Amino acid sequence: MAVNKFGNRKVLVDGIKFDSVAEAKYYEQLKWLKHAKQIKGFKLQPRFVLLDPYKKNGKTIRAIHYVADFKIHNLDGSIEIVDVKGHETKDFLIKKKLFEHRYDYTLKVVTLDDSFGWIELDQLKKLKKKKVKPKPKAFTRRRR
């Protein structure tokens, strides 16, 4: 399968093409959660309008959409929107702000980490920042 500019390999699972191995693994987890009756269900690639189409100077400007990876229907009736990412691009951060401004849904950005398993990307960043870095040795003058 092809590799994209971020080094992700496209993966085929159940006849569905995923943009990364991590996204395919998250799909497998959601299937298991649904089977175990931990969630009501989920939808792949939900599409959201961020900016409606409009006309300006006689030209029609197309709408801007955001396509998430998953829409999860929880047992309590709540809905979560999930995007699986290794890191956030500038384009994604803009779309995330527009999404959060327009929709009341929770948008979670998750990643698969070797140490923590599935974790929200913001939480992982905080944990990595907290790691104690060795302090540089203080400068001392040598005695002669």
N, C-alpha and C. Protein backbone atom coordinates (compact mmCIF):
# COMPACT_ATOMS: atom_id res chain seq x y z
N MET A 1 0.83 -1.18 0.00
CA MET A 1 0.00 0.00 0.00
C MET A 1 0.88 1.25 0.00
N ALA A 2 0.29 2.35 -0.39
CA ALA A 2 1.03 3.62 -0.51
C ALA A 2 1.34 4.22 0.86
N VAL A 3 2.41 5.02 0.89
CA VAL A 3 2.81 5.73 2.10
C VAL A 3 2.57 7.22 1.83
N ASN A 4 1.92 7.91 2.80
CA ASN A 4 1.66 9.34 2.59
C ASN A 4 2.82 10.19 3.07
N LYS A 5 2.66 11.52 3.01
CA LYS A 5 3.77 12.42 3.33
C LYS A 5 4.17 12.38 4.80
N PHE A 6 3.32 11.83 5.67
CA PHE A 6 3.65 11.73 7.09
C PHE A 6 4.22 10.35 7.43
N GLY A 7 4.43 9.51 6.41
CA GLY A 7 4.99 8.19 6.64
C GLY A 7 3.96 7.14 7.01
N ASN A 8 2.67 7.50 6.94
CA ASN A 8 1.62 6.54 7.25
C ASN A 8 1.33 5.66 6.05
N ARG A 9 1.06 4.39 6.35
CA ARG A 9 0.75 3.42 5.32
C ARG A 9 -0.76 3.21 5.27
N LYS A 10 -1.35 3.25 4.10
CA LYS A 10 -2.78 2.97 3.96
C LYS A 10 -3.00 1.49 4.23
N VAL A 11 -4.11 1.19 4.92
CA VAL A 11 -4.40 -0.18 5.34
C VAL A 11 -5.83 -0.53 4.95
N LEU A 12 -6.03 -1.78 4.53
CA LEU A 12 -7.36 -2.27 4.16
C LEU A 12 -7.83 -3.26 5.23
N VAL A 13 -8.98 -2.94 5.87
CA VAL A 13 -9.58 -3.81 6.88
C VAL A 13 -11.07 -3.90 6.58
N ASP A 14 -11.59 -5.11 6.52
CA ASP A 14 -13.03 -5.33 6.22
C ASP A 14 -13.46 -4.62 4.94
N GLY A 15 -12.55 -4.52 3.98
CA GLY A 15 -12.86 -3.86 2.72
C GLY A 15 -12.88 -2.34 2.81
N ILE A 16 -12.44 -1.79 3.95
CA ILE A 16 -12.41 -0.35 4.17
C ILE A 16 -10.96 0.12 4.15
N LYS A 17 -10.68 1.18 3.40
CA LYS A 17 -9.32 1.72 3.31
C LYS A 17 -9.13 2.79 4.38
N PHE A 18 -8.13 2.58 5.25
CA PHE A 18 -7.80 3.53 6.30
C PHE A 18 -6.50 4.24 5.94
N ASP A 19 -6.36 5.49 6.40
CA ASP A 19 -5.18 6.28 6.08
C ASP A 19 -3.94 5.88 6.87
N SER A 20 -4.12 5.10 7.94
CA SER A 20 -2.97 4.70 8.75
C SER A 20 -3.26 3.40 9.48
N VAL A 21 -2.21 2.76 9.94
CA VAL A 21 -2.34 1.54 10.74
C VAL A 21 -3.06 1.88 12.04
N ALA A 22 -2.73 3.02 12.65
CA ALA A 22 -3.36 3.43 13.91
C ALA A 22 -4.87 3.61 13.73
N GLU A 23 -5.28 4.22 12.64
CA GLU A 23 -6.71 4.43 12.38
C GLU A 23 -7.42 3.09 12.22
N ALA A 24 -6.80 2.15 11.55
CA ALA A 24 -7.37 0.81 11.38
C ALA A 24 -7.47 0.09 12.72
N LYS A 25 -6.47 0.26 13.59
CA LYS A 25 -6.51 -0.36 14.91
C LYS A 25 -7.62 0.25 15.77
N TYR A 26 -7.83 1.56 15.64
CA TYR A 26 -8.91 2.21 16.39
C TYR A 26 -10.27 1.68 15.92
N TYR A 27 -10.39 1.47 14.62
CA TYR A 27 -11.62 0.88 14.06
C TYR A 27 -11.86 -0.50 14.67
N GLU A 28 -10.80 -1.31 14.75
CA GLU A 28 -10.91 -2.65 15.33
C GLU A 28 -11.36 -2.55 16.80
N GLN A 29 -10.82 -1.58 17.52
CA GLN A 29 -11.22 -1.40 18.92
C GLN A 29 -12.69 -1.00 19.02
N LEU A 30 -13.14 -0.10 18.14
CA LEU A 30 -14.55 0.31 18.16
C LEU A 30 -15.48 -0.86 17.84
N LYS A 31 -15.06 -1.71 16.91
CA LYS A 31 -15.86 -2.91 16.61
C LYS A 31 -16.00 -3.78 17.86
N TRP A 32 -14.89 -3.95 18.58
CA TRP A 32 -14.90 -4.75 19.79
C TRP A 32 -15.79 -4.10 20.85
N LEU A 33 -15.68 -2.78 21.04
CA LEU A 33 -16.51 -2.07 22.02
C LEU A 33 -18.00 -2.20 21.70
N LYS A 34 -18.32 -2.15 20.42
CA LYS A 34 -19.74 -2.30 20.03
C LYS A 34 -20.20 -3.73 20.31
N HIS A 35 -19.40 -4.71 19.96
CA HIS A 35 -19.73 -6.10 20.19
C HIS A 35 -19.89 -6.38 21.70
N ALA A 36 -19.05 -5.74 22.52
CA ALA A 36 -19.09 -5.91 23.97
C ALA A 36 -20.15 -5.02 24.62
N LYS A 37 -20.92 -4.32 23.79
CA LYS A 37 -21.99 -3.43 24.24
C LYS A 37 -21.48 -2.31 25.17
N GLN A 38 -20.27 -1.82 24.86
CA GLN A 38 -19.70 -0.70 25.60
C GLN A 38 -20.04 0.63 24.93
N ILE A 39 -20.42 0.58 23.65
CA ILE A 39 -20.91 1.74 22.91
C ILE A 39 -22.11 1.29 22.10
N LYS A 40 -22.99 2.24 21.73
CA LYS A 40 -24.14 1.91 20.89
C LYS A 40 -23.70 1.61 19.46
N GLY A 41 -22.76 2.41 18.97
CA GLY A 41 -22.31 2.23 17.60
C GLY A 41 -21.35 3.33 17.21
N PHE A 42 -20.95 3.28 15.93
CA PHE A 42 -20.04 4.30 15.43
C PHE A 42 -20.21 4.42 13.92
N LYS A 43 -19.76 5.55 13.41
CA LYS A 43 -19.83 5.84 11.99
C LYS A 43 -18.44 6.23 11.51
N LEU A 44 -18.08 5.79 10.32
CA LEU A 44 -16.79 6.15 9.73
C LEU A 44 -16.92 7.42 8.90
N GLN A 45 -15.88 8.22 8.93
CA GLN A 45 -15.75 9.40 8.08
C GLN A 45 -16.96 10.35 8.11
N PRO A 46 -17.42 10.74 9.31
CA PRO A 46 -18.53 11.71 9.35
C PRO A 46 -18.06 13.06 8.80
N ARG A 47 -18.94 13.70 8.07
CA ARG A 47 -18.61 14.95 7.39
C ARG A 47 -19.36 16.11 8.06
N PHE A 48 -18.66 17.21 8.30
CA PHE A 48 -19.24 18.37 8.96
C PHE A 48 -18.94 19.62 8.15
N VAL A 49 -19.95 20.48 8.01
CA VAL A 49 -19.77 21.76 7.32
C VAL A 49 -19.17 22.75 8.32
N LEU A 50 -18.05 23.33 7.97
CA LEU A 50 -17.41 24.33 8.83
C LEU A 50 -17.77 25.74 8.39
N LEU A 51 -17.91 25.93 7.07
CA LEU A 51 -18.29 27.22 6.51
C LEU A 51 -19.21 26.96 5.34
N ASP A 52 -20.40 27.54 5.40
CA ASP A 52 -21.38 27.35 4.33
C ASP A 52 -20.90 28.02 3.04
N PRO A 53 -21.39 27.53 1.89
CA PRO A 53 -21.03 28.20 0.63
C PRO A 53 -21.64 29.60 0.61
N TYR A 54 -21.01 30.49 -0.11
CA TYR A 54 -21.53 31.86 -0.21
C TYR A 54 -21.14 32.45 -1.55
N LYS A 55 -21.77 33.58 -1.88
CA LYS A 55 -21.46 34.27 -3.13
C LYS A 55 -20.77 35.59 -2.80
N LYS A 56 -19.75 35.88 -3.63
CA LYS A 56 -19.04 37.15 -3.48
C LYS A 56 -18.59 37.59 -4.85
N ASN A 57 -18.91 38.83 -5.20
CA ASN A 57 -18.55 39.39 -6.50
C ASN A 57 -19.02 38.49 -7.65
N GLY A 58 -20.20 37.93 -7.50
CA GLY A 58 -20.78 37.09 -8.55
C GLY A 58 -20.22 35.68 -8.61
N LYS A 59 -19.27 35.35 -7.73
CA LYS A 59 -18.69 34.01 -7.71
C LYS A 59 -19.24 33.23 -6.52
N THR A 60 -19.49 31.96 -6.74
CA THR A 60 -19.90 31.09 -5.64
C THR A 60 -18.66 30.47 -5.01
N ILE A 61 -18.53 30.68 -3.72
CA ILE A 61 -17.39 30.13 -2.97
C ILE A 61 -17.88 28.84 -2.29
N ARG A 62 -17.15 27.77 -2.54
CA ARG A 62 -17.56 26.47 -2.00
C ARG A 62 -17.47 26.42 -0.48
N ALA A 63 -18.25 25.52 0.09
CA ALA A 63 -18.25 25.29 1.53
C ALA A 63 -16.92 24.66 1.94
N ILE A 64 -16.60 24.81 3.21
CA ILE A 64 -15.43 24.13 3.79
C ILE A 64 -15.96 23.03 4.69
N HIS A 65 -15.45 21.82 4.49
CA HIS A 65 -15.89 20.67 5.27
C HIS A 65 -14.74 20.11 6.10
N TYR A 66 -15.11 19.44 7.15
CA TYR A 66 -14.16 18.68 7.96
C TYR A 66 -14.66 17.25 8.00
N VAL A 67 -13.80 16.31 7.65
CA VAL A 67 -14.16 14.90 7.69
C VAL A 67 -13.34 14.27 8.81
N ALA A 68 -14.03 13.87 9.87
CA ALA A 68 -13.36 13.23 11.01
C ALA A 68 -13.16 11.74 10.69
N ASP A 69 -12.48 11.05 11.55
CA ASP A 69 -12.28 9.61 11.35
C ASP A 69 -13.48 8.81 11.85
N PHE A 70 -14.02 9.19 13.03
CA PHE A 70 -15.11 8.41 13.62
C PHE A 70 -16.09 9.29 14.37
N LYS A 71 -17.35 8.86 14.36
CA LYS A 71 -18.40 9.46 15.18
C LYS A 71 -18.91 8.32 16.06
N ILE A 72 -18.77 8.47 17.38
CA ILE A 72 -19.10 7.39 18.31
C ILE A 72 -20.37 7.75 19.07
N HIS A 73 -21.30 6.81 19.09
CA HIS A 73 -22.55 6.95 19.84
C HIS A 73 -22.39 6.16 21.14
N ASN A 74 -22.29 6.89 22.27
CA ASN A 74 -22.09 6.26 23.57
C ASN A 74 -23.41 5.75 24.15
N LEU A 75 -23.31 4.89 25.14
CA LEU A 75 -24.49 4.30 25.77
C LEU A 75 -25.38 5.36 26.43
N ASP A 76 -24.78 6.43 26.94
CA ASP A 76 -25.55 7.48 27.62
C ASP A 76 -26.20 8.47 26.65
N GLY A 77 -26.06 8.20 25.34
CA GLY A 77 -26.66 9.07 24.34
C GLY A 77 -25.73 10.17 23.84
N SER A 78 -24.60 10.35 24.49
CA SER A 78 -23.65 11.36 24.04
C SER A 78 -22.94 10.91 22.76
N ILE A 79 -22.40 11.88 22.07
CA ILE A 79 -21.68 11.61 20.81
C ILE A 79 -20.29 12.22 20.91
N GLU A 80 -19.31 11.44 20.49
CA GLU A 80 -17.92 11.91 20.43
C GLU A 80 -17.45 11.84 18.99
N ILE A 81 -16.70 12.83 18.61
CA ILE A 81 -16.05 12.83 17.31
C ILE A 81 -14.57 12.56 17.58
N VAL A 82 -14.01 11.58 16.86
CA VAL A 82 -12.63 11.18 17.12
C VAL A 82 -11.81 11.26 15.83
N ASP A 83 -10.63 11.84 15.96
CA ASP A 83 -9.65 11.86 14.88
C ASP A 83 -8.40 11.18 15.40
N VAL A 84 -7.85 10.25 14.63
CA VAL A 84 -6.63 9.54 15.00
C VAL A 84 -5.48 10.22 14.28
N LYS A 85 -4.54 10.77 15.07
CA LYS A 85 -3.43 11.52 14.47
C LYS A 85 -2.14 11.25 15.23
N GLY A 86 -1.04 11.30 14.51
CA GLY A 86 0.28 11.23 15.14
C GLY A 86 0.71 12.60 15.60
N HIS A 87 0.28 13.62 14.87
CA HIS A 87 0.53 15.01 15.23
C HIS A 87 -0.51 15.88 14.52
N GLU A 88 -0.65 17.11 14.99
CA GLU A 88 -1.66 18.02 14.42
C GLU A 88 -0.99 19.00 13.46
N THR A 89 -1.54 19.08 12.25
CA THR A 89 -1.03 20.04 11.27
C THR A 89 -1.69 21.40 11.51
N LYS A 90 -1.13 22.44 10.90
CA LYS A 90 -1.73 23.77 11.02
C LYS A 90 -3.14 23.78 10.45
N ASP A 91 -3.33 23.11 9.30
CA ASP A 91 -4.67 23.03 8.69
C ASP A 91 -5.66 22.37 9.64
N PHE A 92 -5.23 21.28 10.28
CA PHE A 92 -6.13 20.59 11.20
C PHE A 92 -6.49 21.48 12.38
N LEU A 93 -5.52 22.21 12.93
CA LEU A 93 -5.79 23.07 14.09
C LEU A 93 -6.83 24.14 13.75
N ILE A 94 -6.76 24.68 12.54
CA ILE A 94 -7.76 25.68 12.10
C ILE A 94 -9.13 25.01 11.99
N LYS A 95 -9.18 23.84 11.35
CA LYS A 95 -10.46 23.13 11.20
C LYS A 95 -11.02 22.73 12.57
N LYS A 96 -10.16 22.36 13.49
CA LYS A 96 -10.60 21.98 14.83
C LYS A 96 -11.27 23.18 15.52
N LYS A 97 -10.66 24.36 15.40
CA LYS A 97 -11.26 25.57 16.00
C LYS A 97 -12.61 25.88 15.38
N LEU A 98 -12.69 25.80 14.05
CA LEU A 98 -13.96 26.06 13.37
C LEU A 98 -15.02 25.03 13.78
N PHE A 99 -14.61 23.77 13.89
CA PHE A 99 -15.53 22.70 14.31
C PHE A 99 -16.06 22.98 15.72
N GLU A 100 -15.15 23.27 16.64
CA GLU A 100 -15.55 23.50 18.02
C GLU A 100 -16.42 24.74 18.18
N HIS A 101 -16.23 25.73 17.30
CA HIS A 101 -17.07 26.93 17.34
C HIS A 101 -18.50 26.63 16.87
N ARG A 102 -18.61 25.75 15.89
CA ARG A 102 -19.91 25.50 15.26
C ARG A 102 -20.69 24.34 15.89
N TYR A 103 -20.01 23.34 16.43
CA TYR A 103 -20.68 22.14 16.93
C TYR A 103 -20.46 21.96 18.43
N ASP A 104 -21.45 21.35 19.08
CA ASP A 104 -21.37 21.09 20.52
C ASP A 104 -20.71 19.75 20.84
N TYR A 105 -20.41 18.96 19.83
CA TYR A 105 -19.79 17.65 20.07
C TYR A 105 -18.39 17.80 20.66
N THR A 106 -17.99 16.77 21.38
CA THR A 106 -16.62 16.69 21.87
C THR A 106 -15.76 16.15 20.73
N LEU A 107 -14.68 16.84 20.41
CA LEU A 107 -13.74 16.38 19.39
C LEU A 107 -12.47 15.92 20.10
N LYS A 108 -12.23 14.61 20.03
CA LYS A 108 -11.05 14.03 20.65
C LYS A 108 -10.03 13.70 19.57
N VAL A 109 -8.80 14.08 19.81
CA VAL A 109 -7.70 13.72 18.92
C VAL A 109 -6.87 12.69 19.69
N VAL A 110 -6.86 11.46 19.18
CA VAL A 110 -6.16 10.39 19.88
C VAL A 110 -4.99 9.87 19.06
N THR A 111 -4.06 9.27 19.77
CA THR A 111 -2.90 8.68 19.12
C THR A 111 -2.57 7.37 19.82
N LEU A 112 -1.88 6.50 19.13
CA LEU A 112 -1.47 5.22 19.71
C LEU A 112 0.00 5.35 20.10
N ASP A 113 0.25 5.31 21.41
CA ASP A 113 1.60 5.48 21.93
C ASP A 113 2.11 4.15 22.48
N ASP A 114 3.38 3.87 22.26
CA ASP A 114 3.97 2.61 22.74
C ASP A 114 3.87 2.46 24.25
N SER A 115 4.03 3.54 24.99
CA SER A 115 4.02 3.48 26.45
C SER A 115 2.62 3.53 27.06
N PHE A 116 1.72 4.31 26.46
CA PHE A 116 0.43 4.57 27.08
C PHE A 116 -0.75 3.91 26.36
N GLY A 117 -0.56 3.35 25.20
CA GLY A 117 -1.68 2.82 24.42
C GLY A 117 -2.45 3.97 23.80
N TRP A 118 -3.79 3.86 23.73
CA TRP A 118 -4.60 4.94 23.18
C TRP A 118 -4.65 6.07 24.18
N ILE A 119 -4.29 7.26 23.72
CA ILE A 119 -4.25 8.43 24.60
C ILE A 119 -4.56 9.66 23.76
N GLU A 120 -5.22 10.64 24.41
CA GLU A 120 -5.48 11.89 23.71
C GLU A 120 -4.15 12.60 23.47
N LEU A 121 -4.01 13.18 22.28
CA LEU A 121 -2.75 13.79 21.87
C LEU A 121 -2.33 14.91 22.81
N ASP A 122 -3.27 15.75 23.26
CA ASP A 122 -2.94 16.84 24.19
C ASP A 122 -2.40 16.28 25.51
N GLN A 123 -3.00 15.20 25.98
CA GLN A 123 -2.57 14.57 27.23
C GLN A 123 -1.16 14.01 27.08
N LEU A 124 -0.87 13.39 25.94
CA LEU A 124 0.45 12.83 25.69
C LEU A 124 1.51 13.94 25.66
N LYS A 125 1.16 15.07 25.02
CA LYS A 125 2.10 16.20 24.97
C LYS A 125 2.44 16.67 26.39
N LYS A 126 1.42 16.77 27.26
CA LYS A 126 1.64 17.21 28.64
C LYS A 126 2.54 16.22 29.38
N LEU A 127 2.29 14.93 29.19
CA LEU A 127 3.10 13.91 29.87
C LEU A 127 4.55 13.96 29.41
N LYS A 128 4.76 14.19 28.12
CA LYS A 128 6.13 14.26 27.60
C LYS A 128 6.85 15.51 28.11
N LYS A 129 6.10 16.62 28.28
CA LYS A 129 6.71 17.84 28.81
C LYS A 129 7.11 17.67 30.27
N LYS A 130 6.34 16.88 31.02
CA LYS A 130 6.59 16.69 32.45
C LYS A 130 7.82 15.84 32.72
N LYS A 131 8.25 15.06 31.74
CA LYS A 131 9.43 14.22 31.96
C LYS A 131 10.57 15.10 32.44
N VAL A 132 11.18 14.66 33.49
CA VAL A 132 12.27 15.46 34.07
C VAL A 132 13.51 15.31 33.20
N LYS A 133 13.99 16.43 32.74
CA LYS A 133 15.21 16.44 31.93
C LYS A 133 16.38 16.59 32.88
N PRO A 134 17.48 15.94 32.58
CA PRO A 134 18.64 16.11 33.46
C PRO A 134 19.09 17.56 33.46
N LYS A 135 19.39 18.05 34.66
CA LYS A 135 19.83 19.44 34.78
C LYS A 135 21.26 19.55 34.28
N PRO A 136 21.56 20.63 33.57
CA PRO A 136 22.95 20.80 33.14
C PRO A 136 23.82 21.01 34.37
N LYS A 137 25.02 20.51 34.29
CA LYS A 137 25.94 20.65 35.42
C LYS A 137 26.29 22.13 35.58
N ALA A 138 26.36 22.52 36.83
CA ALA A 138 26.69 23.91 37.13
C ALA A 138 28.14 24.17 36.76
N PHE A 139 28.37 25.37 36.32
CA PHE A 139 29.73 25.75 35.96
C PHE A 139 30.54 25.95 37.24
N THR A 140 31.64 25.28 37.32
CA THR A 140 32.52 25.48 38.48
C THR A 140 33.92 25.79 37.99
N ARG A 141 34.58 26.65 38.72
CA ARG A 141 35.97 26.98 38.37
C ARG A 141 36.89 25.92 38.92
N ARG A 142 37.83 25.60 38.15
CA ARG A 142 38.83 24.65 38.62
C ARG A 142 39.82 25.36 39.55
N ARG A 143 40.17 24.68 40.57
CA ARG A 143 41.19 25.25 41.45
C ARG A 143 42.55 24.85 40.94
N ARG A 144 43.48 25.74 41.07
CA ARG A 144 44.85 25.45 40.62
C ARG A 144 45.73 25.06 41.73
